[in-house]
Amino acid sequence: MDELTKTNIEFSSVNSLINNYNDIDGSINTNLELLQEYKEDIDKDILDDIVNNYEDINNKLNELEINTLLDGEFDSYNCYLEIHPGAGGTEAMDWASMLLRMYQMYFDKKGYKYEVVDYQAGDEAGVKSVMLHITNPYAYGYLKSEIGVHRLVRISPFNAAGKRQTSFAAVNVTPEIDDIPKDIEVNEEDIRWDITRASGNGGQGVNTTDSAVRLSHIPTGIVIYAQQERSQLRNKETAMKILKSKLYQLEVEKRNNAINSLKGSDDINFGSQIRNYVLEPYKLVKDLRTNYETSQADKVLDGDIDAFIEAYLRMKRD
């Protein structure tokens, strides 16, 4: 992201905050006038307008508050979102595909643009791994709340006995960083390249030529697949860009003592999760960091995750 792009994003953000503030100020003044009218002439239609305006003001105040929380170093950036199933074979891979659907529905509702960078299909069902490139102002700022292990409890569709099954999948989010400092260097001897065939359509047009690449960064253990382009060279460039973004993010996070590893915990199982999705014997989705929970599990899996994101941002502020 060049300086002009960053400046434009910052200007757009500040301009949006000013507009939101002016809208709220205007709505409050309108409601004060309606209240005065209601005192002089008690009328149900006026009361309905007051209530509707009050709800609109609350929604705008909430949006304004959330915008002020997105002040992290990478919050304004586009990002890459990865999903990796934990141990458990087909069960875990199916859970990873459910998370993929949840995020895609969330992006569609929010108007985020995204494309599949890599999609590794499961042997029987689900996905072995998937990476999406999300393009939207403050994409990383919102989606950083999803980093961690997600745990599912349900009646297994793959178990003839109909027993409850627990599955895990890890989500990682990396900001797309273009202006990486020159001191973030990658030595060629630290990289292993493997060329593979793209695994097929992951939802938005992954190609099926022999141009897919796998980059393995030996010192950190980071592995990146890229296959959205038909050009092997372009996929290599994408993989290297993602690697450098990860390495730079890692250095910043070490400096800030935020986390110990960019990849997050390798322990994708009991006790390591950030959020539980329980579908049996009752329905409940609960974030273990913020304690926010809802019984509307179906809505959450259909992409209704704003409340979880907002709760996380407020927690980080406090």
Protein backbone atom coordinates (compact mmCIF):
# COMPACT_ATOMS: atom_id res chain seq x y z
CA MET A 1 0.00 0.00 0.00
CA ASP A 2 1.70 3.22 -1.16
CA GLU A 3 1.58 6.52 0.74
CA LEU A 4 -1.06 8.01 -1.56
CA THR A 5 -3.37 5.02 -1.02
CA LYS A 6 -2.82 5.16 2.75
CA THR A 7 -3.52 8.89 2.78
CA ASN A 8 -6.72 8.42 0.76
CA ILE A 9 -7.90 5.70 3.14
CA GLU A 10 -7.15 7.88 6.17
CA PHE A 11 -8.92 10.85 4.57
CA SER A 12 -11.93 8.71 3.71
CA SER A 13 -12.03 7.36 7.26
CA VAL A 14 -11.85 10.82 8.86
CA ASN A 15 -14.44 12.18 6.41
CA SER A 16 -16.75 9.28 7.23
CA LEU A 17 -16.38 9.95 10.97
CA ILE A 18 -17.23 13.63 10.46
CA ASN A 19 -20.28 12.75 8.35
CA ASN A 20 -21.45 10.22 10.95
CA TYR A 21 -21.04 12.79 13.71
CA ASN A 22 -23.01 15.38 11.74
CA ASP A 23 -25.77 12.83 11.01
CA ILE A 24 -26.03 11.97 14.70
CA ASP A 25 -26.09 15.64 15.70
CA GLY A 26 -28.85 16.32 13.17
CA SER A 27 -30.88 13.31 14.32
CA ILE A 28 -30.64 14.35 17.97
CA ASN A 29 -31.81 17.89 17.16
CA THR A 30 -34.70 16.47 15.12
CA ASN A 31 -35.75 14.25 18.01
CA LEU A 32 -35.59 17.15 20.46
CA GLU A 33 -37.96 19.09 18.20
CA LEU A 34 -40.30 16.07 17.97
CA LEU A 35 -40.29 15.73 21.75
CA GLN A 36 -41.34 19.34 22.06
CA GLU A 37 -44.15 18.74 19.54
CA TYR A 38 -45.26 15.64 21.48
CA LYS A 39 -45.45 17.63 24.71
CA GLU A 40 -47.74 20.15 23.03
CA ASP A 41 -49.79 17.61 21.05
CA ILE A 42 -49.72 13.99 22.23
CA ASP A 43 -49.87 12.03 19.00
CA LYS A 44 -49.02 8.37 18.38
CA ASP A 45 -47.42 9.08 14.99
CA ILE A 46 -45.05 11.59 16.56
CA LEU A 47 -44.17 9.09 19.29
CA ASP A 48 -43.44 6.43 16.68
CA ASP A 49 -41.10 8.84 14.89
CA ILE A 50 -39.30 9.59 18.16
CA VAL A 51 -38.78 5.89 18.90
CA ASN A 52 -37.56 5.16 15.37
CA ASN A 53 -35.16 8.11 15.45
CA TYR A 54 -33.88 7.01 18.86
CA GLU A 55 -33.07 3.54 17.53
CA ASP A 56 -31.36 5.06 14.48
CA ILE A 57 -29.28 7.34 16.72
CA ASN A 58 -28.20 4.36 18.84
CA ASN A 59 -27.14 2.43 15.73
CA LYS A 60 -25.14 5.39 14.42
CA LEU A 61 -23.48 5.91 17.80
CA ASN A 62 -22.52 2.24 17.87
CA GLU A 63 -21.03 2.49 14.37
CA LEU A 64 -19.13 5.64 15.35
CA GLU A 65 -17.74 3.94 18.45
CA ILE A 66 -16.56 0.89 16.50
CA ASN A 67 -14.82 3.09 13.91
CA THR A 68 -12.83 4.82 16.65
CA LEU A 69 -11.57 1.43 17.86
CA LEU A 70 -9.85 0.64 14.55
CA ASP A 71 -6.62 2.48 15.26
CA GLY A 72 -4.12 -0.39 15.19
CA GLU A 73 -1.01 -0.26 13.00
CA PHE A 74 -2.47 -2.61 10.38
CA ASP A 75 -6.20 -2.07 10.94
CA SER A 76 -6.79 -0.09 7.73
CA TYR A 77 -5.17 -2.76 5.52
CA ASN A 78 -6.63 -5.43 3.27
CA CYS A 79 -5.89 -8.92 4.52
CA TYR A 80 -5.55 -12.64 3.92
CA LEU A 81 -7.75 -15.05 5.88
CA GLU A 82 -6.74 -18.71 6.24
CA ILE A 83 -8.67 -21.68 7.61
CA HIS A 84 -6.96 -24.95 8.59
CA PRO A 85 -8.79 -27.97 10.06
CA GLY A 86 -7.45 -29.59 13.19
CA ALA A 87 -7.05 -33.30 13.85
CA GLY A 88 -10.11 -35.38 13.07
CA GLY A 89 -10.03 -36.05 9.36
CA THR A 90 -13.29 -35.55 7.48
CA GLU A 91 -15.11 -34.10 10.51
CA ALA A 92 -12.58 -31.31 10.95
CA MET A 93 -12.38 -30.63 7.20
CA ASP A 94 -16.16 -30.32 7.02
CA TRP A 95 -16.07 -27.88 9.94
CA ALA A 96 -13.42 -25.83 8.08
CA SER A 97 -15.75 -25.65 5.08
CA MET A 98 -18.59 -24.47 7.35
CA LEU A 99 -16.36 -21.67 8.63
CA LEU A 100 -15.44 -20.79 5.05
CA ARG A 101 -19.13 -20.48 4.19
CA MET A 102 -19.73 -18.37 7.32
CA TYR A 103 -17.03 -15.88 6.35
CA GLN A 104 -18.07 -15.76 2.70
CA MET A 105 -21.65 -14.98 3.75
CA TYR A 106 -20.33 -12.29 6.11
CA PHE A 107 -18.27 -10.73 3.29
CA ASP A 108 -21.25 -10.80 0.95
CA LYS A 109 -23.47 -9.08 3.53
CA LYS A 110 -20.85 -6.41 4.25
CA GLY A 111 -19.98 -5.85 0.60
CA TYR A 112 -16.36 -6.98 0.99
CA LYS A 113 -14.58 -8.10 -2.16
CA TYR A 114 -12.65 -11.35 -1.86
CA GLU A 115 -10.94 -13.96 -4.00
CA VAL A 116 -9.55 -17.43 -3.36
CA VAL A 117 -5.75 -17.52 -3.20
CA ASP A 118 -5.60 -21.21 -2.34
CA TYR A 119 -8.15 -24.00 -1.92
CA GLN A 120 -7.16 -27.55 -0.97
CA ALA A 121 -10.24 -29.79 -1.09
CA GLY A 122 -10.74 -32.55 1.47
CA ASP A 123 -10.50 -36.18 0.33
CA GLU A 124 -14.15 -36.95 1.13
CA ALA A 125 -15.67 -33.63 2.17
CA GLY A 126 -14.73 -30.16 3.34
CA VAL A 127 -11.37 -28.47 2.87
CA LYS A 128 -7.81 -29.27 3.91
CA SER A 129 -6.89 -25.58 3.81
CA VAL A 130 -8.12 -22.38 2.23
CA MET A 131 -6.84 -18.81 1.94
CA LEU A 132 -8.92 -15.79 0.90
CA HIS A 133 -7.71 -12.33 -0.08
CA ILE A 134 -10.13 -9.75 1.32
CA THR A 135 -10.23 -6.23 -0.13
CA ASN A 136 -12.01 -3.61 1.95
CA PRO A 137 -10.98 -0.61 4.02
CA TYR A 138 -10.21 -1.84 7.55
CA ALA A 139 -10.62 -5.49 6.56
CA TYR A 140 -7.79 -6.54 8.88
CA GLY A 141 -9.07 -4.33 11.70
CA TYR A 142 -12.39 -6.15 11.74
CA LEU A 143 -11.19 -9.68 10.97
CA LYS A 144 -8.28 -9.84 13.42
CA SER A 145 -10.91 -10.82 16.00
CA GLU A 146 -11.25 -14.18 14.23
CA ILE A 147 -7.65 -15.30 14.76
CA GLY A 148 -7.54 -18.50 16.79
CA VAL A 149 -9.08 -21.94 17.15
CA HIS A 150 -12.83 -22.40 16.57
CA ARG A 151 -14.53 -25.43 18.17
CA LEU A 152 -17.70 -27.13 16.93
CA VAL A 153 -19.95 -29.58 18.83
CA ARG A 154 -22.69 -31.31 16.81
CA ILE A 155 -24.28 -34.61 15.86
CA SER A 156 -21.90 -35.99 13.28
CA PRO A 157 -23.31 -36.35 9.74
CA PHE A 158 -20.48 -38.81 9.07
CA ASN A 159 -21.21 -41.12 12.00
CA ALA A 160 -23.91 -43.75 11.43
CA ALA A 161 -24.45 -44.02 15.19
CA GLY A 162 -25.46 -40.35 15.36
CA LYS A 163 -23.04 -39.51 18.15
CA ARG A 164 -21.97 -36.03 19.15
CA GLN A 165 -18.65 -35.00 17.64
CA THR A 166 -16.22 -32.22 18.55
CA SER A 167 -14.18 -30.65 15.74
CA PHE A 168 -11.58 -27.90 15.58
CA ALA A 169 -10.31 -25.50 12.93
CA ALA A 170 -7.80 -22.67 13.13
CA VAL A 171 -8.31 -19.25 11.55
CA ASN A 172 -5.42 -16.91 10.84
CA VAL A 173 -5.58 -13.37 9.45
CA THR A 174 -2.60 -11.53 7.95
CA PRO A 175 -2.62 -7.87 6.84
CA GLU A 176 -1.64 -7.25 3.22
CA ILE A 177 1.43 -5.07 3.68
CA ASP A 178 2.92 -3.44 0.59
CA ASP A 179 5.26 -0.95 2.22
CA ILE A 180 7.45 -3.53 3.97
CA PRO A 181 10.73 -2.13 5.37
CA LYS A 182 13.87 -3.14 3.50
CA ASP A 183 15.27 -4.84 6.61
CA ILE A 184 12.64 -7.59 6.21
CA GLU A 185 14.66 -9.80 3.91
CA VAL A 186 14.10 -13.39 2.85
CA ASN A 187 17.11 -15.53 2.01
CA GLU A 188 16.66 -17.83 -0.95
CA GLU A 189 18.29 -20.69 0.95
CA ASP A 190 15.54 -20.42 3.58
CA ILE A 191 12.82 -21.09 1.00
CA ARG A 192 11.65 -24.32 -0.64
CA TRP A 193 9.40 -24.06 -3.70
CA ASP A 194 7.11 -26.84 -4.84
CA ILE A 195 5.05 -26.65 -8.04
CA THR A 196 1.68 -28.41 -8.00
CA ARG A 197 -1.59 -28.55 -9.91
CA ALA A 198 -4.34 -26.29 -8.63
CA SER A 199 -6.94 -28.30 -6.73
CA GLY A 200 -10.03 -26.92 -8.44
CA ASN A 201 -12.68 -24.31 -7.86
CA GLY A 202 -12.83 -23.02 -4.31
CA GLY A 203 -15.84 -20.84 -4.80
CA GLN A 204 -14.57 -18.02 -6.98
CA GLY A 205 -12.58 -19.35 -9.92
CA VAL A 206 -9.35 -21.04 -8.89
CA ASN A 207 -7.47 -22.19 -11.99
CA THR A 208 -6.64 -25.85 -12.70
CA THR A 209 -3.24 -25.63 -14.43
CA ASP A 210 0.18 -26.74 -13.20
CA SER A 211 0.95 -23.20 -12.02
CA ALA A 212 0.08 -23.59 -8.33
CA VAL A 213 2.99 -23.06 -5.94
CA ARG A 214 3.78 -23.99 -2.36
CA LEU A 215 6.30 -21.84 -0.50
CA SER A 216 7.89 -23.30 2.63
CA HIS A 217 9.84 -20.89 4.85
CA ILE A 218 12.18 -23.22 6.73
CA PRO A 219 13.18 -20.98 9.70
CA THR A 220 9.59 -20.22 10.76
CA GLY A 221 7.75 -23.25 9.37
CA ILE A 222 5.34 -20.96 7.51
CA VAL A 223 3.81 -22.66 4.46
CA ILE A 224 1.93 -20.68 1.82
CA TYR A 225 -0.02 -22.00 -1.16
CA ALA A 226 -0.94 -19.74 -4.08
CA GLN A 227 -2.92 -20.88 -7.10
CA GLN A 228 -5.39 -18.18 -8.15
CA GLU A 229 -3.28 -17.03 -11.13
CA ARG A 230 -2.60 -19.06 -14.27
CA SER A 231 0.95 -17.76 -14.25
CA GLN A 232 3.38 -19.65 -12.04
CA LEU A 233 5.47 -16.48 -11.74
CA ARG A 234 2.49 -14.45 -10.54
CA ASN A 235 1.63 -17.10 -7.96
CA LYS A 236 5.23 -17.05 -6.74
CA GLU A 237 5.05 -13.27 -6.40
CA THR A 238 1.81 -13.57 -4.42
CA ALA A 239 3.26 -16.22 -2.11
CA MET A 240 6.39 -14.14 -1.49
CA LYS A 241 4.29 -11.04 -0.77
CA ILE A 242 2.22 -12.96 1.78
CA LEU A 243 5.37 -14.37 3.39
CA LYS A 244 6.94 -10.93 3.77
CA SER A 245 3.69 -9.57 5.21
CA LYS A 246 3.66 -12.39 7.75
CA LEU A 247 7.31 -11.86 8.67
CA TYR A 248 6.83 -8.12 9.09
CA GLN A 249 3.71 -8.63 11.17
CA LEU A 250 5.63 -11.12 13.29
CA GLU A 251 8.42 -8.61 13.94
CA VAL A 252 5.95 -5.89 14.93
CA GLU A 253 4.04 -8.23 17.21
CA LYS A 254 7.26 -9.38 18.87
CA ARG A 255 8.20 -5.75 19.39
CA ASN A 256 4.84 -5.04 20.99
CA ASN A 257 4.85 -8.31 22.93
CA ALA A 258 1.38 -8.96 21.52
CA ILE A 259 1.79 -12.61 20.57
CA ASN A 260 4.63 -15.09 20.42
CA SER A 261 3.95 -16.51 17.00
CA LEU A 262 2.35 -15.21 13.83
CA LYS A 263 0.96 -18.65 13.08
CA GLY A 264 -0.86 -18.80 16.37
CA SER A 265 -0.96 -21.93 18.45
CA ASP A 266 -0.25 -25.21 16.68
CA ASP A 267 -2.40 -26.87 19.34
CA ILE A 268 -5.72 -27.05 17.48
CA ASN A 269 -7.72 -29.00 20.06
CA PHE A 270 -9.35 -28.93 23.51
CA GLY A 271 -8.44 -25.95 25.67
CA SER A 272 -6.99 -23.87 22.84
CA GLN A 273 -10.18 -22.48 21.30
CA ILE A 274 -11.31 -18.85 21.22
CA ARG A 275 -14.93 -19.60 20.34
CA ASN A 276 -17.31 -22.52 20.81
CA TYR A 277 -20.13 -23.33 18.38
CA VAL A 278 -22.50 -25.80 20.07
CA LEU A 279 -25.31 -27.24 17.92
CA GLU A 280 -26.18 -30.25 20.14
CA PRO A 281 -27.71 -30.86 22.69
CA TYR A 282 -28.54 -27.12 22.65
CA LYS A 283 -27.55 -24.20 20.43
CA LEU A 284 -25.05 -21.68 21.67
CA VAL A 285 -22.11 -19.76 20.23
CA LYS A 286 -19.80 -18.28 22.86
CA ASP A 287 -16.55 -16.34 22.56
CA LEU A 288 -14.29 -17.35 25.42
CA ARG A 289 -12.27 -14.11 25.33
CA THR A 290 -15.16 -11.64 25.59
CA ASN A 291 -17.83 -13.97 27.04
CA TYR A 292 -20.26 -12.69 24.41
CA GLU A 293 -22.72 -15.45 23.51
CA THR A 294 -25.88 -16.05 21.53
CA SER A 295 -28.30 -18.94 21.07
CA GLN A 296 -28.80 -17.93 17.43
CA ALA A 297 -26.17 -20.38 16.19
CA ASP A 298 -27.75 -20.77 12.75
CA LYS A 299 -27.59 -17.03 12.15
CA VAL A 300 -23.95 -16.94 13.21
CA LEU A 301 -23.08 -19.73 10.77
CA ASP A 302 -24.93 -17.72 8.11
CA GLY A 303 -22.45 -14.88 8.58
CA ASP A 304 -24.02 -12.87 11.40
CA ILE A 305 -20.78 -12.30 13.35
CA ASP A 306 -20.77 -8.50 13.78
CA ALA A 307 -21.61 -8.73 17.49
CA PHE A 308 -18.61 -11.01 18.14
CA ILE A 309 -16.29 -8.67 16.26
CA GLU A 310 -17.58 -5.61 18.08
CA ALA A 311 -17.30 -7.28 21.49
CA TYR A 312 -13.68 -8.18 20.73
CA LEU A 313 -12.80 -4.63 19.61
CA ARG A 314 -14.34 -3.17 22.76
CA MET A 315 -12.45 -5.67 24.92
CA LYS A 316 -9.13 -4.75 23.27
CA ARG A 317 -9.83 -1.07 23.91
CA ASP A 318 -10.46 -1.71 27.61
